[in-house]
Amino acid sequence: MSDPFAEYEALVERLEEERAVGRPGVAARPRLELRRFAAKWLLRGALVVAAVVLPFWVLVGSSVFLYRHYGVPTWPALLAGFLLTALLLLIYAAWVSKRLAGKARLPGAVTKTVFAVVGAYCLYALIYLSSLNVKGTELREEYRSLHPLLRLATSTFILVDRDLVVTDMERQAQDYERMGLPVYEHSLHFIQEDGYAHAVDLRTVGRGAWRNFLLQAYYRAMGFRTLRHVGTADHLHVSLPLP
């Protein structure tokens, strides 16, 4: 890929040379040329960002889609997301190979590495939650009671927002009584028939409107339901309804 800074300098130098020799209409060209240059590199930048984001969207979004809309059980849905993500990364690798060597080649070591990386990330997201991302250390003990797809989605967002704080996951009836709230028997915070809580609450206080907007938009794009409401404190309620 060409260097944008070198290309910009070459463009400016060429325009200055054309202006110096007094070519007709050259006075109107610099702005047009620079706009085209900026548009080209903005598009390339957007494509790079999309290429980085897409594997995470495929991993989480496809798993949630299969679970919610086709009734695929949790772990098979997650396995499907894993396989689709690995396939996408192999396509990336084949494209890079073709660009560099003129031919798409995927040695066995590359394939194994891709599967290992995706598998390791899934395992990390499903098992680990930093104490910095929970309201209290006792919540970390509840992490594995949260539905795997919610765990995967939440850990993925933490990659880009290290300040995200989980304020609630699993609840019991006495928790509502302790907070002075009526017991909602159909709350997805309760452990459901599959053995997991299907809701998580995320802190919104002190985060800024745009960050909370992006947080809510992210979960919606991944296929979850979201609700911004006030219980004991302003927070974003994210849930995964039963299929």
Protein backbone atom coordinates (compact mmCIF):
# COMPACT_ATOMS: atom_id res chain seq x y z
CA MET A 1 0.00 0.00 0.00
CA SER A 2 1.29 3.45 -0.90
CA ASP A 3 2.34 5.94 1.73
CA PRO A 4 -0.36 8.66 2.13
CA PHE A 5 2.16 11.22 3.38
CA ALA A 6 4.50 10.67 0.44
CA GLU A 7 1.56 10.75 -1.96
CA TYR A 8 0.33 14.01 -0.44
CA GLU A 9 3.75 15.64 -0.72
CA ALA A 10 4.06 14.51 -4.35
CA LEU A 11 0.60 15.90 -5.11
CA VAL A 12 1.37 19.29 -3.58
CA GLU A 13 4.71 19.45 -5.39
CA ARG A 14 3.10 18.65 -8.74
CA LEU A 15 0.39 21.25 -8.28
CA GLU A 16 2.98 23.88 -7.40
CA GLU A 17 4.95 23.03 -10.54
CA GLU A 18 1.84 23.32 -12.71
CA ARG A 19 0.97 26.65 -11.12
CA ALA A 20 4.52 27.88 -11.76
CA VAL A 21 4.34 27.15 -15.48
CA GLY A 22 0.95 28.86 -15.68
CA ARG A 23 -1.16 26.06 -17.12
CA PRO A 24 -4.79 27.09 -17.86
CA GLY A 25 -7.25 26.38 -15.07
CA VAL A 26 -4.59 25.26 -12.65
CA ALA A 27 -5.75 27.73 -9.99
CA ALA A 28 -8.96 25.74 -9.48
CA ARG A 29 -7.27 22.34 -9.41
CA PRO A 30 -5.54 22.18 -6.00
CA ARG A 31 -8.76 22.16 -4.00
CA LEU A 32 -10.30 19.49 -6.25
CA GLU A 33 -7.17 17.35 -6.20
CA LEU A 34 -6.84 17.58 -2.44
CA ARG A 35 -10.51 16.67 -1.97
CA ARG A 36 -10.03 13.59 -4.12
CA PHE A 37 -6.91 12.69 -2.15
CA ALA A 38 -8.72 13.10 1.18
CA ALA A 39 -11.76 11.13 -0.03
CA LYS A 40 -9.58 8.26 -1.24
CA TRP A 41 -7.71 7.90 2.04
CA LEU A 42 -10.82 8.35 4.15
CA LEU A 43 -12.41 5.51 2.21
CA ARG A 44 -9.35 3.34 2.69
CA GLY A 45 -9.33 4.14 6.39
CA ALA A 46 -13.01 3.24 6.67
CA LEU A 47 -12.37 -0.07 4.89
CA VAL A 48 -9.54 -0.90 7.28
CA VAL A 49 -11.75 -0.15 10.29
CA ALA A 50 -14.55 -2.25 8.79
CA ALA A 51 -12.13 -5.12 8.16
CA VAL A 52 -11.03 -5.03 11.80
CA VAL A 53 -14.58 -4.79 13.20
CA LEU A 54 -16.18 -7.37 10.90
CA PRO A 55 -14.71 -10.52 12.52
CA PHE A 56 -16.03 -9.47 15.94
CA TRP A 57 -19.44 -8.69 14.48
CA VAL A 58 -19.53 -12.07 12.73
CA LEU A 59 -18.48 -13.89 15.91
CA VAL A 60 -21.06 -12.29 18.19
CA GLY A 61 -23.77 -11.20 15.76
CA SER A 62 -24.09 -14.47 13.86
CA SER A 63 -24.20 -16.48 17.10
CA VAL A 64 -26.96 -14.27 18.52
CA PHE A 65 -28.86 -14.33 15.21
CA LEU A 66 -28.86 -18.13 15.02
CA TYR A 67 -29.85 -18.40 18.68
CA ARG A 68 -32.69 -15.87 18.59
CA HIS A 69 -34.19 -16.36 15.14
CA TYR A 70 -33.56 -20.04 14.42
CA GLY A 71 -33.62 -21.48 17.93
CA VAL A 72 -30.12 -22.91 17.63
CA PRO A 73 -28.94 -23.93 21.13
CA THR A 74 -26.34 -21.73 22.80
CA TRP A 75 -23.19 -23.74 22.25
CA PRO A 76 -23.92 -24.83 18.65
CA ALA A 77 -24.74 -21.18 17.85
CA LEU A 78 -21.45 -20.11 19.37
CA LEU A 79 -19.62 -22.83 17.46
CA ALA A 80 -21.17 -21.59 14.22
CA GLY A 81 -20.01 -18.05 15.01
CA PHE A 82 -16.54 -19.40 15.75
CA LEU A 83 -16.36 -21.25 12.42
CA LEU A 84 -17.67 -18.30 10.41
CA THR A 85 -15.15 -15.98 12.04
CA ALA A 86 -12.28 -18.37 11.36
CA LEU A 87 -13.42 -18.66 7.73
CA LEU A 88 -13.49 -14.87 7.39
CA LEU A 89 -9.96 -14.56 8.79
CA LEU A 90 -8.75 -17.25 6.40
CA ILE A 91 -10.22 -15.22 3.53
CA TYR A 92 -8.27 -12.23 4.83
CA ALA A 93 -5.10 -14.33 4.94
CA ALA A 94 -5.65 -15.58 1.39
CA TRP A 95 -6.14 -12.00 0.17
CA VAL A 96 -2.92 -10.84 1.86
CA SER A 97 -1.07 -13.82 0.39
CA LYS A 98 -2.30 -12.98 -3.09
CA ARG A 99 -1.30 -9.33 -2.70
CA LEU A 100 2.19 -10.22 -1.51
CA ALA A 101 2.99 -13.35 -3.51
CA GLY A 102 0.59 -13.08 -6.45
CA LYS A 103 -1.16 -16.29 -5.44
CA ALA A 104 -3.50 -17.15 -2.58
CA ARG A 105 -1.81 -19.74 -0.43
CA LEU A 106 -2.89 -20.96 2.97
CA PRO A 107 -0.31 -23.25 4.59
CA GLY A 108 -1.59 -25.57 7.27
CA ALA A 109 0.21 -23.54 9.92
CA VAL A 110 -1.81 -20.44 9.01
CA THR A 111 -5.09 -22.32 9.26
CA LYS A 112 -4.15 -23.79 12.63
CA THR A 113 -3.06 -20.39 13.90
CA VAL A 114 -6.33 -18.77 12.86
CA PHE A 115 -8.41 -21.42 14.60
CA ALA A 116 -6.20 -21.23 17.68
CA VAL A 117 -6.47 -17.44 17.90
CA VAL A 118 -10.26 -17.38 17.50
CA GLY A 119 -10.64 -20.23 19.98
CA ALA A 120 -8.36 -18.56 22.52
CA TYR A 121 -10.29 -15.31 22.24
CA CYS A 122 -13.63 -17.06 22.78
CA LEU A 123 -12.25 -18.90 25.81
CA TYR A 124 -10.87 -15.66 27.25
CA ALA A 125 -14.15 -13.79 26.73
CA LEU A 126 -16.22 -16.57 28.27
CA ILE A 127 -14.09 -17.06 31.36
CA TYR A 128 -12.42 -13.80 32.31
CA LEU A 129 -13.77 -10.43 33.42
CA SER A 130 -11.42 -7.90 35.00
CA SER A 131 -12.22 -6.55 38.44
CA LEU A 132 -11.90 -3.09 36.87
CA ASN A 133 -15.00 -3.78 34.81
CA VAL A 134 -17.38 -4.79 37.59
CA LYS A 135 -19.09 -2.71 40.25
CA GLY A 136 -17.97 -5.02 43.03
CA THR A 137 -15.59 -7.96 43.21
CA GLU A 138 -18.42 -10.27 44.21
CA LEU A 139 -19.92 -9.79 40.75
CA ARG A 140 -16.96 -11.54 39.19
CA GLU A 141 -18.16 -14.73 40.83
CA GLU A 142 -21.46 -14.37 38.95
CA TYR A 143 -19.82 -13.92 35.56
CA ARG A 144 -20.08 -17.55 34.52
CA SER A 145 -23.77 -17.55 35.41
CA LEU A 146 -24.33 -14.94 32.68
CA HIS A 147 -25.39 -16.29 29.30
CA PRO A 148 -22.31 -17.09 27.15
CA LEU A 149 -23.43 -14.85 24.29
CA LEU A 150 -23.78 -11.91 26.66
CA ARG A 151 -20.35 -12.66 28.08
CA LEU A 152 -18.86 -12.79 24.60
CA ALA A 153 -20.50 -9.50 23.58
CA THR A 154 -19.54 -7.67 26.77
CA SER A 155 -15.90 -8.78 26.69
CA THR A 156 -15.69 -7.73 23.06
CA PHE A 157 -16.93 -4.21 23.80
CA ILE A 158 -14.45 -3.91 26.65
CA LEU A 159 -11.67 -4.20 24.06
CA VAL A 160 -12.57 -0.70 22.81
CA ASP A 161 -13.97 0.73 26.05
CA ARG A 162 -11.82 -0.24 29.00
CA ASP A 163 -13.97 1.88 31.33
CA LEU A 164 -17.13 -0.17 30.85
CA VAL A 165 -18.55 -1.27 34.22
CA VAL A 166 -20.99 -4.12 34.78
CA THR A 167 -23.31 -3.23 37.67
CA ASP A 168 -25.55 -6.31 37.82
CA MET A 169 -25.95 -9.77 36.32
CA GLU A 170 -27.66 -12.58 38.22
CA ARG A 171 -30.40 -11.65 40.69
CA GLN A 172 -32.62 -13.41 43.18
CA ALA A 173 -35.96 -12.32 44.61
CA GLN A 174 -34.35 -11.01 47.80
CA ASP A 175 -32.14 -8.72 45.75
CA TYR A 176 -35.21 -6.78 44.59
CA GLU A 177 -36.50 -6.58 48.14
CA ARG A 178 -33.13 -5.31 49.36
CA MET A 179 -33.18 -2.56 46.72
CA GLY A 180 -36.73 -1.58 47.63
CA LEU A 181 -38.10 -2.67 44.25
CA PRO A 182 -41.07 -4.93 43.49
CA VAL A 183 -40.13 -8.47 42.52
CA TYR A 184 -40.50 -8.95 38.77
CA GLU A 185 -41.06 -12.68 38.36
CA HIS A 186 -40.21 -12.68 34.66
CA SER A 187 -36.92 -10.81 35.06
CA LEU A 188 -34.20 -12.13 32.76
CA HIS A 189 -31.74 -11.46 35.58
CA PHE A 190 -33.09 -14.63 37.18
CA ILE A 191 -31.48 -17.93 36.21
CA GLN A 192 -33.47 -19.28 33.28
CA GLU A 193 -34.23 -22.85 32.26
CA ASP A 194 -30.90 -23.18 30.44
CA GLY A 195 -29.02 -22.38 33.67
CA TYR A 196 -27.97 -18.83 32.77
CA ALA A 197 -29.06 -15.28 33.54
CA HIS A 198 -30.12 -13.56 30.32
CA ALA A 199 -29.61 -9.92 31.31
CA VAL A 200 -26.78 -7.63 32.32
CA ASP A 201 -26.83 -4.03 33.57
CA LEU A 202 -24.13 -1.60 32.50
CA ARG A 203 -23.18 1.72 34.08
CA THR A 204 -24.17 4.85 32.15
CA VAL A 205 -23.60 7.50 34.83
CA GLY A 206 -20.62 9.76 34.17
CA ARG A 207 -19.83 8.26 30.76
CA GLY A 208 -21.10 10.95 28.41
CA ALA A 209 -24.03 10.85 26.00
CA TRP A 210 -22.05 9.77 22.95
CA ARG A 211 -20.39 6.85 24.74
CA ASN A 212 -23.73 5.61 26.04
CA PHE A 213 -25.22 5.99 22.58
CA LEU A 214 -22.44 3.89 21.05
CA LEU A 215 -22.79 1.31 23.83
CA GLN A 216 -26.51 0.89 23.19
CA ALA A 217 -26.04 0.91 19.41
CA TYR A 218 -23.40 -1.82 19.69
CA TYR A 219 -25.62 -4.22 21.61
CA ARG A 220 -28.54 -3.57 19.31
CA ALA A 221 -26.38 -4.19 16.25
CA MET A 222 -25.32 -7.51 17.77
CA GLY A 223 -28.95 -8.56 18.16
CA PHE A 224 -29.63 -7.94 21.86
CA ARG A 225 -32.48 -5.99 23.39
CA THR A 226 -31.56 -2.84 25.28
CA LEU A 227 -33.44 -0.54 27.64
CA ARG A 228 -32.14 2.60 29.30
CA HIS A 229 -33.97 2.97 32.59
CA VAL A 230 -33.67 3.94 36.22
CA GLY A 231 -33.92 1.29 38.91
CA THR A 232 -31.53 1.95 41.74
CA ALA A 233 -29.42 4.06 39.37
CA ASP A 234 -29.36 5.12 35.74
CA HIS A 235 -28.08 2.17 33.69
CA LEU A 236 -28.39 0.30 30.42
CA HIS A 237 -30.26 -2.99 30.67
CA VAL A 238 -29.17 -5.50 28.02
CA SER A 239 -31.01 -8.79 27.58
CA LEU A 240 -31.07 -11.87 25.43
CA PRO A 241 -34.66 -13.15 25.23
CA LEU A 242 -35.25 -16.87 25.02
CA PRO A 243 -35.69 -18.02 21.39
